[in-house]
PDB file of N, CA and C in Angstrom:
ATOM      1  N   MET A   1      -1.067  -2.887 -64.187  1.00  0.00           N
ATOM      2  CA  MET A   1      -1.418  -2.976 -62.442  1.00  0.00           C
ATOM      3  C   MET A   1      -0.701  -3.492 -61.900  1.00  0.00           C
ATOM      4  N   SER A   2      -1.133  -5.143 -62.370  1.00  0.00           N
ATOM      5  CA  SER A   2      -0.422  -6.224 -61.557  1.00  0.00           C
ATOM      6  C   SER A   2       0.981  -6.060 -61.016  1.00  0.00           C
ATOM      7  N   ARG A   3       1.085  -5.867 -62.112  1.00  0.00           N
ATOM      8  CA  ARG A   3       2.807  -5.092 -62.055  1.00  0.00           C
ATOM      9  C   ARG A   3       2.947  -4.581 -59.948  1.00  0.00           C
ATOM     10  N   LEU A   4       2.289  -3.190 -60.209  1.00  0.00           N
ATOM     11  CA  LEU A   4       2.343  -1.884 -59.791  1.00  0.00           C
ATOM     12  C   LEU A   4       1.606  -2.732 -57.951  1.00  0.00           C
ATOM     13  N   ILE A   5       0.636  -3.732 -58.378  1.00  0.00           N
ATOM     14  CA  ILE A   5      -0.192  -4.207 -57.249  1.00  0.00           C
ATOM     15  C   ILE A   5       0.985  -5.056 -56.858  1.00  0.00           C
ATOM     16  N   TRP A   6       1.214  -6.136 -57.150  1.00  0.00           N
ATOM     17  CA  TRP A   6       2.907  -7.582 -56.801  1.00  0.00           C
ATOM     18  C   TRP A   6       4.284  -5.845 -56.125  1.00  0.00           C
ATOM     19  N   SER A   7       4.462  -5.787 -57.152  1.00  0.00           N
ATOM     20  CA  SER A   7       5.833  -4.976 -56.128  1.00  0.00           C
ATOM     21  C   SER A   7       5.061  -3.726 -54.735  1.00  0.00           C
ATOM     22  N   MET A   8       4.190  -3.478 -54.594  1.00  0.00           N
ATOM     23  CA  MET A   8       4.082  -2.105 -53.567  1.00  0.00           C
ATOM     24  C   MET A   8       3.621  -4.228 -51.832  1.00  0.00           C
ATOM     25  N   GLY A   9       3.083  -5.489 -52.834  1.00  0.00           N
ATOM     26  CA  GLY A   9       3.330  -5.875 -51.651  1.00  0.00           C
ATOM     27  C   GLY A   9       3.564  -6.604 -51.643  1.00  0.00           C
ATOM     28  N   PHE A  10       5.107  -6.533 -52.686  1.00  0.00           N
ATOM     29  CA  PHE A  10       6.578  -7.115 -52.070  1.00  0.00           C
ATOM     30  C   PHE A  10       7.307  -5.618 -51.316  1.00  0.00           C
ATOM     31  N   ALA A  11       6.801  -5.077 -51.642  1.00  0.00           N
ATOM     32  CA  ALA A  11       7.563  -3.701 -50.770  1.00  0.00           C
ATOM     33  C   ALA A  11       7.326  -3.999 -49.050  1.00  0.00           C
ATOM     34  N   GLY A  12       5.823  -3.810 -49.244  1.00  0.00           N
ATOM     35  CA  GLY A  12       5.289  -3.770 -48.501  1.00  0.00           C
ATOM     36  C   GLY A  12       5.969  -4.876 -46.851  1.00  0.00           C
ATOM     37  N   LEU A  13       6.027  -6.428 -47.526  1.00  0.00           N
ATOM     38  CA  LEU A  13       6.496  -7.340 -46.663  1.00  0.00           C
ATOM     39  C   LEU A  13       8.374  -7.174 -47.163  1.00  0.00           C
ATOM     40  N   ALA A  14       8.615  -6.466 -47.421  1.00  0.00           N
ATOM     41  CA  ALA A  14       9.643  -6.319 -46.571  1.00  0.00           C
ATOM     42  C   ALA A  14      10.151  -4.968 -46.087  1.00  0.00           C
ATOM     43  N   LEU A  15       9.352  -4.335 -46.211  1.00  0.00           N
ATOM     44  CA  LEU A  15       9.615  -3.788 -45.336  1.00  0.00           C
ATOM     45  C   LEU A  15       8.514  -4.036 -43.357  1.00  0.00           C
ATOM     46  N   ALA A  16       7.698  -4.797 -43.978  1.00  0.00           N
ATOM     47  CA  ALA A  16       7.185  -5.432 -42.420  1.00  0.00           C
ATOM     48  C   ALA A  16       8.370  -6.175 -41.764  1.00  0.00           C
ATOM     49  N   CYS A  17       8.833  -7.028 -42.751  1.00  0.00           N
ATOM     50  CA  CYS A  17       9.829  -7.408 -41.614  1.00  0.00           C
ATOM     51  C   CYS A  17      11.353  -7.037 -41.018  1.00  0.00           C
ATOM     52  N   ALA A  18      11.866  -6.066 -42.404  1.00  0.00           N
ATOM     53  CA  ALA A  18      13.033  -5.310 -41.476  1.00  0.00           C
ATOM     54  C   ALA A  18      11.965  -4.374 -39.832  1.00  0.00           C
ATOM     55  N   VAL A  19      11.172  -4.317 -39.597  1.00  0.00           N
ATOM     56  CA  VAL A  19      10.336  -3.398 -38.556  1.00  0.00           C
ATOM     57  C   VAL A  19      10.412  -4.845 -37.781  1.00  0.00           C
ATOM     58  N   ALA A  20       9.714  -5.872 -37.685  1.00  0.00           N
ATOM     59  CA  ALA A  20       9.132  -7.032 -37.106  1.00  0.00           C
ATOM     60  C   ALA A  20      10.696  -7.471 -36.452  1.00  0.00           C
ATOM     61  N   ALA A  21      12.312  -7.409 -36.829  1.00  0.00           N
ATOM     62  CA  ALA A  21      13.510  -7.182 -36.462  1.00  0.00           C
ATOM     63  C   ALA A  21      14.533  -6.836 -35.974  1.00  0.00           C
ATOM     64  N   TRP A  22      13.887  -5.309 -36.337  1.00  0.00           N
ATOM     65  CA  TRP A  22      14.435  -4.666 -35.428  1.00  0.00           C
ATOM     66  C   TRP A  22      13.230  -4.395 -34.340  1.00  0.00           C
ATOM     67  N   LEU A  23      12.582  -4.909 -33.743  1.00  0.00           N
ATOM     68  CA  LEU A  23      11.274  -4.684 -32.686  1.00  0.00           C
ATOM     69  C   LEU A  23      12.487  -5.575 -32.087  1.00  0.00           C
ATOM     70  N   HIS A  24      12.519  -7.109 -32.253  1.00  0.00           N
ATOM     71  CA  HIS A  24      12.895  -8.417 -31.192  1.00  0.00           C
ATOM     72  C   HIS A  24      14.200  -8.294 -31.012  1.00  0.00           C
ATOM     73  N   ARG A  25      14.937  -7.303 -31.702  1.00  0.00           N
ATOM     74  CA  ARG A  25      16.094  -7.134 -31.120  1.00  0.00           C
ATOM     75  C   ARG A  25      16.863  -6.697 -29.163  1.00  0.00           C
ATOM     76  N   PRO A  26      17.187  -6.850 -28.301  1.00  0.00           N
ATOM     77  CA  PRO A  26      17.057  -6.399 -27.380  1.00  0.00           C
ATOM     78  C   PRO A  26      17.636  -4.828 -27.573  1.00  0.00           C
ATOM     79  N   VAL A  27      17.180  -4.344 -25.840  1.00  0.00           N
ATOM     80  CA  VAL A  27      16.914  -3.736 -25.495  1.00  0.00           C
ATOM     81  C   VAL A  27      17.766  -2.694 -25.165  1.00  0.00           C
ATOM     82  N   GLU A  28      19.068  -1.167 -25.827  1.00  0.00           N
ATOM     83  CA  GLU A  28      20.507  -1.931 -25.028  1.00  0.00           C
ATOM     84  C   GLU A  28      19.738  -0.063 -23.917  1.00  0.00           C
ATOM     85  N   LEU A  29      20.348  -0.481 -22.741  1.00  0.00           N
ATOM     86  CA  LEU A  29      19.567   0.059 -21.025  1.00  0.00           C
ATOM     87  C   LEU A  29      20.964   1.415 -21.586  1.00  0.00           C
ATOM     88  N   PRO A  30      20.451   2.145 -21.275  1.00  0.00           N
ATOM     89  CA  PRO A  30      21.395   3.108 -20.737  1.00  0.00           C
ATOM     90  C   PRO A  30      22.733   2.601 -19.460  1.00  0.00           C
ATOM     91  N   SER A  31      24.076   2.998 -19.492  1.00  0.00           N
ATOM     92  CA  SER A  31      25.029   2.676 -18.702  1.00  0.00           C
ATOM     93  C   SER A  31      24.917   2.329 -17.285  1.00  0.00           C
ATOM     94  N   GLN A  32      24.532   2.043 -15.748  1.00  0.00           N
ATOM     95  CA  GLN A  32      24.818   2.348 -14.480  1.00  0.00           C
ATOM     96  C   GLN A  32      26.072   3.597 -13.919  1.00  0.00           C
ATOM     97  N   ALA A  33      25.310   3.966 -13.509  1.00  0.00           N
ATOM     98  CA  ALA A  33      26.233   4.479 -12.768  1.00  0.00           C
ATOM     99  C   ALA A  33      27.942   3.563 -11.532  1.00  0.00           C
ATOM    100  N   ALA A  34      28.672   3.912 -11.556  1.00  0.00           N
ATOM    101  CA  ALA A  34      29.821   3.400 -10.898  1.00  0.00           C
ATOM    102  C   ALA A  34      29.380   2.951  -9.431  1.00  0.00           C
ATOM    103  N   GLU A  35      29.314   1.851  -9.183  1.00  0.00           N
ATOM    104  CA  GLU A  35      29.389   0.982  -7.752  1.00  0.00           C
ATOM    105  C   GLU A  35      29.719   1.793  -7.047  1.00  0.00           C
ATOM    106  N   PRO A  36      29.383   2.254  -5.560  1.00  0.00           N
ATOM    107  CA  PRO A  36      29.688   2.222  -4.708  1.00  0.00           C
ATOM    108  C   PRO A  36      31.093   1.483  -3.585  1.00  0.00           C
ATOM    109  N   GLU A  37      32.000   2.138  -3.157  1.00  0.00           N
ATOM    110  CA  GLU A  37      33.463   1.495  -3.166  1.00  0.00           C
ATOM    111  C   GLU A  37      32.739   0.348  -1.508  1.00  0.00           C
ATOM    112  N   ALA A  38      33.666  -0.541  -1.385  1.00  0.00           N
ATOM    113  CA  ALA A  38      33.005  -1.653  -0.437  1.00  0.00           C
ATOM    114  C   ALA A  38      32.504  -0.816   0.682  1.00  0.00           C
ATOM    115  N   SER A  39      34.288   0.222   0.927  1.00  0.00           N
ATOM    116  CA  SER A  39      34.021   0.715   2.716  1.00  0.00           C
ATOM    117  C   SER A  39      33.562   1.907   2.748  1.00  0.00           C
ATOM    118  N   THR A  40      32.748   2.344   1.680  1.00  0.00           N
ATOM    119  CA  THR A  40      31.453   2.882   1.754  1.00  0.00           C
ATOM    120  C   THR A  40      30.756   2.521   2.781  1.00  0.00           C
ATOM    121  N   PRO A  41      29.781   2.924   3.893  1.00  0.00           N
ATOM    122  CA  PRO A  41      29.385   2.108   3.903  1.00  0.00           C
ATOM    123  C   PRO A  41      27.871   2.992   3.947  1.00  0.00           C
ATOM    124  N   LEU A  42      26.978   2.153   3.378  1.00  0.00           N
ATOM    125  CA  LEU A  42      25.325   2.350   3.111  1.00  0.00           C
ATOM    126  C   LEU A  42      24.671   2.982   3.840  1.00  0.00           C
ATOM    127  N   ALA A  43      23.997   3.590   3.707  1.00  0.00           N
ATOM    128  CA  ALA A  43      22.938   3.776   4.838  1.00  0.00           C
ATOM    129  C   ALA A  43      21.394   2.724   5.082  1.00  0.00           C
ATOM    130  N   GLN A  44      21.253   2.828   6.190  1.00  0.00           N
ATOM    131  CA  GLN A  44      20.270   1.829   6.555  1.00  0.00           C
ATOM    132  C   GLN A  44      19.467   3.059   6.503  1.00  0.00           C
ATOM    133  N   ALA A  45      17.676   1.760   6.010  1.00  0.00           N
ATOM    134  CA  ALA A  45      15.766   2.807   5.842  1.00  0.00           C
ATOM    135  C   ALA A  45      16.184   2.719   6.922  1.00  0.00           C
ATOM    136  N   PRO A  46      14.811   3.023   7.882  1.00  0.00           N
ATOM    137  CA  PRO A  46      14.941   3.361   9.589  1.00  0.00           C
ATOM    138  C   PRO A  46      13.941   1.770   9.591  1.00  0.00           C
ATOM    139  N   THR A  47      13.039   1.880  10.444  1.00  0.00           N
ATOM    140  CA  THR A  47      13.000   0.828  11.258  1.00  0.00           C
ATOM    141  C   THR A  47      11.659   1.155  11.573  1.00  0.00           C
ATOM    142  N   PRO A  48      10.543   1.089  10.818  1.00  0.00           N
ATOM    143  CA  PRO A  48       9.224   0.858  11.292  1.00  0.00           C
ATOM    144  C   PRO A  48       8.791   0.909  12.824  1.00  0.00           C
ATOM    145  N   ARG A  49       8.192   2.071  14.029  1.00  0.00           N
ATOM    146  CA  ARG A  49       7.898   1.320  14.553  1.00  0.00           C
ATOM    147  C   ARG A  49       6.763   0.841  14.752  1.00  0.00           C
ATOM    148  N   PRO A  50       6.526  -0.149  15.658  1.00  0.00           N
ATOM    149  CA  PRO A  50       5.115  -0.713  15.769  1.00  0.00           C
ATOM    150  C   PRO A  50       4.226   0.018  16.147  1.00  0.00           C
ATOM    151  N   ARG A  51       3.265  -0.588  15.666  1.00  0.00           N
ATOM    152  CA  ARG A  51       2.017   1.059  16.257  1.00  0.00           C
ATOM    153  C   ARG A  51       1.065  -0.025  17.275  1.00  0.00           C
ATOM    154  N   SER A  52       0.472   0.852  18.297  1.00  0.00           N
ATOM    155  CA  SER A  52       0.511   0.222  19.701  1.00  0.00           C
ATOM    156  C   SER A  52      -1.418   0.529  19.189  1.00  0.00           C
ATOM    157  N   VAL A  53      -2.086  -0.902  19.742  1.00  0.00           N
ATOM    158  CA  VAL A  53      -3.274  -0.875  19.498  1.00  0.00           C
ATOM    159  C   VAL A  53      -3.821  -0.983  21.302  1.00  0.00           C
ATOM    160  N   ALA A  54      -4.912   0.696  20.520  1.00  0.00           N
ATOM    161  CA  ALA A  54      -6.044   0.638  21.438  1.00  0.00           C
ATOM    162  C   ALA A  54      -7.042  -0.682  21.445  1.00  0.00           C
ATOM    163  N   ARG A  55      -6.904  -2.121  22.059  1.00  0.00           N
ATOM    164  CA  ARG A  55      -7.213  -3.301  22.048  1.00  0.00           C
ATOM    165  C   ARG A  55      -7.657  -3.590  24.188  1.00  0.00           C
ATOM    166  N   VAL A  56      -9.233  -3.758  24.361  1.00  0.00           N
ATOM    167  CA  VAL A  56      -9.462  -3.663  25.246  1.00  0.00           C
ATOM    168  C   VAL A  56     -10.269  -5.058  25.627  1.00  0.00           C
ATOM    169  N   THR A  57     -10.269  -5.641  25.990  1.00  0.00           N
ATOM    170  CA  THR A  57     -10.761  -6.929  26.993  1.00  0.00           C
ATOM    171  C   THR A  57     -11.658  -6.923  27.648  1.00  0.00           C
ATOM    172  N   PHE A  58     -12.483  -7.753  27.365  1.00  0.00           N
ATOM    173  CA  PHE A  58     -13.540  -7.765  28.626  1.00  0.00           C
ATOM    174  C   PHE A  58     -13.717  -8.803  29.843  1.00  0.00           C
ATOM    175  N   PRO A  59     -13.981  -8.943  30.490  1.00  0.00           N
ATOM    176  CA  PRO A  59     -14.889 -10.280  31.061  1.00  0.00           C
ATOM    177  C   PRO A  59     -16.495 -10.974  30.184  1.00  0.00           C
ATOM    178  N   ASP A  60     -16.972  -9.830  29.953  1.00  0.00           N
ATOM    179  CA  ASP A  60     -18.397  -9.697  29.833  1.00  0.00           C
ATOM    180  C   ASP A  60     -19.056  -9.790  29.115  1.00  0.00           C
ATOM    181  N   SER A  61     -20.335  -9.523  28.827  1.00  0.00           N
ATOM    182  CA  SER A  61     -20.669  -8.815  27.322  1.00  0.00           C
ATOM    183  C   SER A  61     -21.518  -7.401  27.901  1.00  0.00           C
ATOM    184  N   ASP A  62     -21.429  -7.873  29.865  1.00  0.00           N
ATOM    185  CA  ASP A  62     -22.685  -6.787  30.293  1.00  0.00           C
ATOM    186  C   ASP A  62     -21.844  -5.904  30.917  1.00  0.00           C
ATOM    187  N   SER A  63     -20.362  -5.351  31.407  1.00  0.00           N
ATOM    188  CA  SER A  63     -18.778  -5.483  30.820  1.00  0.00           C
ATOM    189  C   SER A  63     -18.892  -3.941  29.444  1.00  0.00           C
ATOM    190  N   PHE A  64     -18.778  -5.126  28.849  1.00  0.00           N
ATOM    191  CA  PHE A  64     -18.253  -4.104  27.974  1.00  0.00           C
ATOM    192  C   PHE A  64     -19.632  -2.994  27.494  1.00  0.00           C
ATOM    193  N   GLN A  65     -21.052  -3.730  27.241  1.00  0.00           N
ATOM    194  CA  GLN A  65     -22.113  -2.213  27.546  1.00  0.00           C
ATOM    195  C   GLN A  65     -21.785  -1.027  28.177  1.00  0.00           C
ATOM    196  N   GLU A  66     -21.748  -0.981  29.544  1.00  0.00           N
ATOM    197  CA  GLU A  66     -21.106  -0.248  30.115  1.00  0.00           C
ATOM    198  C   GLU A  66     -20.040   0.824  29.525  1.00  0.00           C
ATOM    199  N   SER A  67     -18.912  -0.413  28.949  1.00  0.00           N
ATOM    200  CA  SER A  67     -18.430   0.789  28.898  1.00  0.00           C
ATOM    201  C   SER A  67     -18.267   1.318  27.657  1.00  0.00           C
ATOM    202  N   PHE A  68     -19.225   0.888  26.509  1.00  0.00           N
ATOM    203  CA  PHE A  68     -19.456   1.617  25.331  1.00  0.00           C
ATOM    204  C   PHE A  68     -20.147   3.082  25.580  1.00  0.00           C
ATOM    205  N   ARG A  69     -21.315   2.035  26.357  1.00  0.00           N
ATOM    206  CA  ARG A  69     -22.406   3.521  26.824  1.00  0.00           C
ATOM    207  C   ARG A  69     -21.568   4.717  27.367  1.00  0.00           C
ATOM    208  N   ARG A  70     -19.938   4.410  28.122  1.00  0.00           N
ATOM    209  CA  ARG A  70     -19.346   5.674  29.199  1.00  0.00           C
ATOM    210  C   ARG A  70     -18.533   6.529  27.569  1.00  0.00           C
ATOM    211  N   THR A  71     -18.565   5.625  26.957  1.00  0.00           N
ATOM    212  CA  THR A  71     -17.504   6.063  25.901  1.00  0.00           C
ATOM    213  C   THR A  71     -18.832   7.747  25.017  1.00  0.00           C
ATOM    214  N   ALA A  72     -19.219   7.350  24.680  1.00  0.00           N
ATOM    215  CA  ALA A  72     -19.270   8.860  24.380  1.00  0.00           C
ATOM    216  C   ALA A  72     -19.215  10.137  25.412  1.00  0.00           C
ATOM    217  N   ASP A  73     -19.515  10.082  26.311  1.00  0.00           N
ATOM    218  CA  ASP A  73     -18.438  11.306  27.420  1.00  0.00           C
ATOM    219  C   ASP A  73     -17.244  11.173  27.735  1.00  0.00           C
ATOM    220  N   LEU A  74     -16.463  10.701  26.996  1.00  0.00           N
ATOM    221  CA  LEU A  74     -14.885  10.961  26.425  1.00  0.00           C
ATOM    222  C   LEU A  74     -14.762  12.908  26.277  1.00  0.00           C
ATOM    223  N   ARG A  75     -13.926  13.336  26.761  1.00  0.00           N
ATOM    224  CA  ARG A  75     -13.172  13.896  26.485  1.00  0.00           C
ATOM    225  C   ARG A  75     -11.317  14.070  26.241  1.00  0.00           C
ATOM    226  N   LEU A  76     -11.102  14.383  25.379  1.00  0.00           N
ATOM    227  CA  LEU A  76     -10.117  14.016  24.990  1.00  0.00           C
ATOM    228  C   LEU A  76      -9.162  15.090  24.803  1.00  0.00           C
ATOM    229  N   GLY A  77      -9.708  15.766  24.517  1.00  0.00           N
ATOM    230  CA  GLY A  77      -9.864  17.703  24.083  1.00  0.00           C
ATOM    231  C   GLY A  77      -9.504  18.220  22.968  1.00  0.00           C
ATOM    232  N   GLU A  78      -9.416  19.117  22.623  1.00  0.00           N
ATOM    233  CA  GLU A  78     -10.010  20.599  22.320  1.00  0.00           C
ATOM    234  C   GLU A  78      -9.531  19.778  20.121  1.00  0.00           C
ATOM    235  N   GLY A  79     -10.429  19.348  19.117  1.00  0.00           N
ATOM    236  CA  GLY A  79     -10.035  18.854  17.905  1.00  0.00           C
ATOM    237  C   GLY A  79     -10.009  17.353  17.797  1.00  0.00           C
ATOM    238  N   THR A  80      -9.831  17.130  19.520  1.00  0.00           N
ATOM    239  CA  THR A  80      -9.361  15.066  19.065  1.00  0.00           C
ATOM    240  C   THR A  80     -10.985  14.374  18.883  1.00  0.00           C
ATOM    241  N   THR A  81     -10.035  13.345  18.040  1.00  0.00           N
ATOM    242  CA  THR A  81     -11.622  12.336  17.300  1.00  0.00           C
ATOM    243  C   THR A  81     -11.508  11.434  18.536  1.00  0.00           C
ATOM    244  N   HIS A  82     -12.818  10.354  18.715  1.00  0.00           N
ATOM    245  CA  HIS A  82     -12.370   8.880  18.830  1.00  0.00           C
ATOM    246  C   HIS A  82     -13.527   8.457  18.189  1.00  0.00           C
ATOM    247  N   MET A  83     -13.598   6.724  18.438  1.00  0.00           N
ATOM    248  CA  MET A  83     -14.322   5.830  17.631  1.00  0.00           C
ATOM    249  C   MET A  83     -14.315   4.440  18.085  1.00  0.00           C
ATOM    250  N   GLN A  84     -15.239   4.271  18.056  1.00  0.00           N
ATOM    251  CA  GLN A  84     -14.671   2.957  18.976  1.00  0.00           C
ATOM    252  C   GLN A  84     -15.588   1.876  17.784  1.00  0.00           C
ATOM    253  N   LEU A  85     -14.010   0.996  17.133  1.00  0.00           N
ATOM    254  CA  LEU A  85     -14.543  -0.076  16.271  1.00  0.00           C
ATOM    255  C   LEU A  85     -15.546  -1.124  16.873  1.00  0.00           C
ATOM    256  N   PRO A  86     -15.777  -1.849  16.174  1.00  0.00           N
ATOM    257  CA  PRO A  86     -17.175  -2.922  16.329  1.00  0.00           C
ATOM    258  C   PRO A  86     -15.790  -4.450  17.043  1.00  0.00           C
ATOM    259  N   PRO A  87     -17.364  -4.322  18.202  1.00  0.00           N
ATOM    260  CA  PRO A  87     -16.319  -5.895  18.955  1.00  0.00           C
ATOM    261  C   PRO A  87     -16.213  -6.289  18.975  1.00  0.00           C
ATOM    262  N   GLU A  88     -15.168  -7.327  18.683  1.00  0.00           N
ATOM    263  CA  GLU A  88     -15.074  -8.656  18.471  1.00  0.00           C
ATOM    264  C   GLU A  88     -15.765  -9.954  19.854  1.00  0.00           C
ATOM    265  N   ARG A  89     -16.999 -11.077  19.916  1.00  0.00           N
ATOM    266  CA  ARG A  89     -17.010 -11.214  20.997  1.00  0.00           C
ATOM    267  C   ARG A  89     -16.407 -13.081  20.762  1.00  0.00           C
ATOM    268  N   ARG A  90     -15.909 -13.276  21.768  1.00  0.00           N
ATOM    269  CA  ARG A  90     -15.219 -14.504  21.810  1.00  0.00           C
ATOM    270  C   ARG A  90     -16.006 -15.804  22.138  1.00  0.00           C
ATOM    271  N   ALA A  91     -15.746 -16.845  22.333  1.00  0.00           N
ATOM    272  CA  ALA A  91     -16.529 -18.486  21.898  1.00  0.00           C
ATOM    273  C   ALA A  91     -16.466 -18.636  23.796  1.00  0.00           C
ATOM    274  N   SER A  92     -15.356 -17.547  24.662  1.00  0.00           N
ATOM    275  CA  SER A  92     -15.679 -18.076  26.377  1.00  0.00           C
ATOM    276  C   SER A  92     -15.940 -17.157  27.008  1.00  0.00           C
ATOM    277  N   GLY A  93     -16.647 -15.999  25.811  1.00  0.00           N
ATOM    278  CA  GLY A  93     -17.518 -14.786  26.432  1.00  0.00           C
ATOM    279  C   GLY A  93     -16.564 -13.377  26.933  1.00  0.00           C
ATOM    280  N   GLU A  94     -16.033 -13.469  26.910  1.00  0.00           N
ATOM    281  CA  GLU A  94     -14.988 -12.240  26.484  1.00  0.00           C
ATOM    282  C   GLU A  94     -15.437 -11.508  25.436  1.00  0.00           C
ATOM    283  N   VAL A  95     -15.046  -9.981  25.439  1.00  0.00           N
ATOM    284  CA  VAL A  95     -15.710  -9.022  24.308  1.00  0.00           C
ATOM    285  C   VAL A  95     -14.294  -8.731  23.856  1.00  0.00           C
ATOM    286  N   VAL A  96     -14.020  -8.563  22.628  1.00  0.00           N
ATOM    287  CA  VAL A  96     -12.338  -7.552  22.326  1.00  0.00           C
ATOM    288  C   VAL A  96     -12.905  -5.879  21.852  1.00  0.00           C
ATOM    289  N   ALA A  97     -11.998  -5.217  22.258  1.00  0.00           N
ATOM    290  CA  ALA A  97     -13.007  -3.785  21.363  1.00  0.00           C
ATOM    291  C   ALA A  97     -11.411  -2.716  21.062  1.00  0.00           C
ATOM    292  N   ALA A  98     -11.774  -1.808  19.971  1.00  0.00           N
ATOM    293  CA  ALA A  98     -10.426  -1.307  19.323  1.00  0.00           C
ATOM    294  C   ALA A  98     -11.091   0.210  20.192  1.00  0.00           C
ATOM    295  N   TRP A  99     -10.507   1.342  20.086  1.00  0.00           N
ATOM    296  CA  TRP A  99     -10.133   2.736  19.581  1.00  0.00           C
ATOM    297  C   TRP A  99      -9.414   3.001  18.449  1.00  0.00           C
ATOM    298  N   LEU A 100      -9.893   3.879  18.009  1.00  0.00           N
ATOM    299  CA  LEU A 100      -8.714   4.761  17.464  1.00  0.00           C
ATOM    300  C   LEU A 100      -9.136   5.850  17.735  1.00  0.00           C
ATOM    301  N   VAL A 101      -7.811   6.843  17.760  1.00  0.00           N
ATOM    302  CA  VAL A 101      -8.084   8.259  18.704  1.00  0.00           C
ATOM    303  C   VAL A 101      -7.113   8.821  17.510  1.00  0.00           C
ATOM    304  N   LEU A 102      -7.796  10.326  17.404  1.00  0.00           N
ATOM    305  CA  LEU A 102      -7.012  11.040  15.579  1.00  0.00           C
ATOM    306  C   LEU A 102      -5.905  11.287  16.590  1.00  0.00           C
ATOM    307  N   ARG A 103      -5.241  12.006  15.790  1.00  0.00           N
ATOM    308  CA  ARG A 103      -4.839  13.623  16.482  1.00  0.00           C
ATOM    309  C   ARG A 103      -5.670  14.561  16.203  1.00  0.00           C
ATOM    310  N   PRO A 104      -5.877  15.835  16.648  1.00  0.00           N
ATOM    311  CA  PRO A 104      -5.891  16.806  17.044  1.00  0.00           C
ATOM    312  C   PRO A 104      -5.119  17.782  15.360  1.00  0.00           C
ATOM    313  N   ALA A 105      -6.300  18.576  14.582  1.00  0.00           N
ATOM    314  CA  ALA A 105      -6.031  18.896  13.731  1.00  0.00           C
ATOM    315  C   ALA A 105      -4.962  20.448  13.314  1.00  0.00           C
ATOM    316  N   THR A 106      -3.828  20.183  12.835  1.00  0.00           N
ATOM    317  CA  THR A 106      -3.147  21.543  13.173  1.00  0.00           C
ATOM    318  C   THR A 106      -2.899  21.852  11.719  1.00  0.00           C
ATOM    319  N   PRO A 107      -3.289  23.483  12.182  1.00  0.00           N
ATOM    320  CA  PRO A 107      -3.081  24.613  10.772  1.00  0.00           C
ATOM    321  C   PRO A 107      -1.431  24.431  10.126  1.00  0.00           C
TER     322      PRO A 107
END
């Protein structure tokens, strides 16, 4: 019985060493496609256009509050939504606000 246990242990150890050696070998990657010729111009990725930000600077808090009150009355068209973001109050007394205007949903 002990011979059977020793032989199974030896076989397991040999199998573990073989698997460890196989796992440590470098992986062969598939060959890459041929490089394009240097004379062939590559297509340039389009550069993204900077998006304009609807920031408005008010000279004081009172003029901002008046504008905020009038914002609810804006009518931009059918299916369009607008939203005013929270204002940024500066130490100089100025108030900076931004509005989001969403495109109309089209089917």
